[in-house]
Each structure stands twice: as structure tokens, then as C-alpha cells.
Amino acid sequence: MARCNMALKVGCFVAGVGVGTVVALLLAPKTGEQTRKLIAKKAEEGKEFVASKGKQLREQAEELVEKGKELASKQKERLAEVLEIGKEAAKSTLSIV
């Protein structure tokens, strides 16, 4: 939940920066051609930033999934051991009775 909330905050921040940049560029005293080139450049930079952040988030998610698989495997092994101990205890109890 905290990661989702942080991602939302970062997304809103990036969107705010983008909107602020566009408004500032539109109000700046530059020619239309200069402004369009600058907007295109900033849009490309923003696209690259979003792509790199997306890649980072994907890698983190893959790591978390792998850790989850490892933990599930360990728990499965522990459960199998406990069940085997329980079976042995039940057999020894029945053989005594």
C-alpha cells in the first residue's frame, strides 16, 4: 500500500512538473519554432524518464516475486518436515498402544 501511495505521489509530481513546464514554455518570450523544439525535447526527456522508472519498477517487482517464490518453497519444505515428524509420532504412539 505504501509503495502504491508513493508511486501515485511520484506520478502526480511528474505530471505537475510537465504541466508547469508546458505552461511556462507557452508564456515564454520565444518564437513558436523555438518553443515547439523545446517542448519536443522536454517531451522526449520525459518519455525517457518514464521508461527508465518503469524499467526500475519492473525489476523491483521481479525481485519481489522471486523472493516470494523462495519463501513459499522454504515454507513448503518446512511443512513437509513437520508432517513427516507428525506421521512418525503417530506411528510410534500407535505401536506403543
Protein backbone atom coordinates (compact mmCIF):
# COMPACT_ATOMS: atom_id res chain seq x y z
CA MET A 1 0.00 0.00 0.00
CA ALA A 2 2.82 2.39 0.88
CA ARG A 3 4.57 1.70 -2.44
CA CYS A 4 1.37 2.36 -4.36
CA ASN A 5 0.88 5.61 -2.48
CA MET A 6 4.49 6.65 -3.20
CA ALA A 7 4.13 5.76 -6.87
CA LEU A 8 0.99 7.88 -7.05
CA LYS A 9 2.79 10.82 -5.44
CA VAL A 10 5.73 10.50 -7.84
CA GLY A 11 3.35 10.26 -10.80
CA CYS A 12 1.45 13.36 -9.69
CA PHE A 13 4.72 15.22 -9.17
CA VAL A 14 5.99 14.32 -12.64
CA ALA A 15 2.65 15.30 -14.19
CA GLY A 16 2.73 18.62 -12.32
CA VAL A 17 6.24 19.33 -13.50
CA GLY A 18 5.20 18.54 -17.06
CA VAL A 19 2.16 20.80 -16.95
CA GLY A 20 4.17 23.59 -15.33
CA THR A 21 6.87 23.28 -17.97
CA VAL A 22 4.39 23.44 -20.83
CA VAL A 23 2.64 26.49 -19.36
CA ALA A 24 5.96 28.23 -18.75
CA LEU A 25 7.09 27.49 -22.29
CA LEU A 26 3.86 28.77 -23.79
CA LEU A 27 4.15 32.02 -21.86
CA ALA A 28 7.88 32.46 -22.53
CA PRO A 29 9.00 35.14 -24.99
CA LYS A 30 10.33 32.77 -27.67
CA THR A 31 9.33 32.15 -31.23
CA GLY A 32 6.85 29.41 -31.98
CA GLU A 33 9.50 27.26 -33.64
CA GLN A 34 11.86 27.55 -30.66
CA THR A 35 9.04 26.74 -28.28
CA ARG A 36 7.94 23.70 -30.30
CA LYS A 37 11.52 22.38 -30.41
CA LEU A 38 11.88 22.88 -26.68
CA ILE A 39 8.55 21.16 -25.99
CA ALA A 40 9.57 18.24 -28.22
CA LYS A 41 12.92 17.97 -26.44
CA LYS A 42 11.30 18.04 -23.00
CA ALA A 43 8.68 15.51 -24.08
CA GLU A 44 11.45 13.15 -25.23
CA GLU A 45 13.29 13.62 -21.93
CA GLY A 46 10.06 12.90 -20.05
CA LYS A 47 9.45 9.80 -22.15
CA GLU A 48 12.95 8.52 -21.38
CA PHE A 49 12.49 9.26 -17.67
CA VAL A 50 9.19 7.40 -17.52
CA ALA A 51 10.68 4.46 -19.44
CA SER A 52 13.65 4.21 -17.09
CA LYS A 53 11.44 4.42 -13.99
CA GLY A 54 9.13 1.79 -15.45
CA LYS A 55 12.10 -0.49 -16.03
CA GLN A 56 13.30 0.04 -12.45
CA LEU A 57 9.85 -0.74 -11.06
CA ARG A 58 9.61 -3.87 -13.20
CA GLU A 59 12.99 -5.09 -11.96
CA GLN A 60 11.95 -4.46 -8.34
CA ALA A 61 8.70 -6.33 -8.91
CA GLU A 62 10.58 -9.27 -10.43
CA GLU A 63 12.90 -9.36 -7.40
CA LEU A 64 9.94 -9.35 -5.03
CA VAL A 65 8.25 -12.16 -6.95
CA GLU A 66 11.45 -14.21 -6.81
CA LYS A 67 11.77 -13.65 -3.05
CA GLY A 68 8.15 -14.66 -2.62
CA LYS A 69 8.74 -17.87 -4.56
CA GLU A 70 11.77 -18.67 -2.41
CA LEU A 71 9.84 -18.08 0.80
CA ALA A 72 6.94 -20.23 -0.39
CA SER A 73 9.36 -23.02 -1.29
CA LYS A 74 11.02 -22.85 2.14
CA GLN A 75 7.64 -22.92 3.88
CA LYS A 76 6.58 -25.90 1.78
CA GLU A 77 9.73 -27.77 2.81
CA ARG A 78 9.15 -26.94 6.48
CA LEU A 79 5.56 -28.10 6.28
CA ALA A 80 6.66 -31.38 4.68
CA GLU A 81 9.17 -31.89 7.51
CA VAL A 82 6.56 -31.18 10.18
CA LEU A 83 4.09 -33.54 8.54
CA GLU A 84 6.72 -36.27 8.41
CA ILE A 85 7.52 -35.76 12.11
CA GLY A 86 3.79 -35.93 12.88
CA LYS A 87 3.44 -39.18 10.95
CA GLU A 88 6.41 -40.69 12.77
CA ALA A 89 4.97 -39.60 16.14
CA ALA A 90 1.58 -41.08 15.25
CA LYS A 91 3.16 -44.39 14.20
CA SER A 92 5.23 -44.63 17.36
CA THR A 93 2.19 -43.81 19.52
CA LEU A 94 0.09 -46.46 17.76
CA SER A 95 2.81 -49.07 18.08
CA ILE A 96 3.03 -48.43 21.83
CA VAL A 97 -0.72 -48.78 22.29
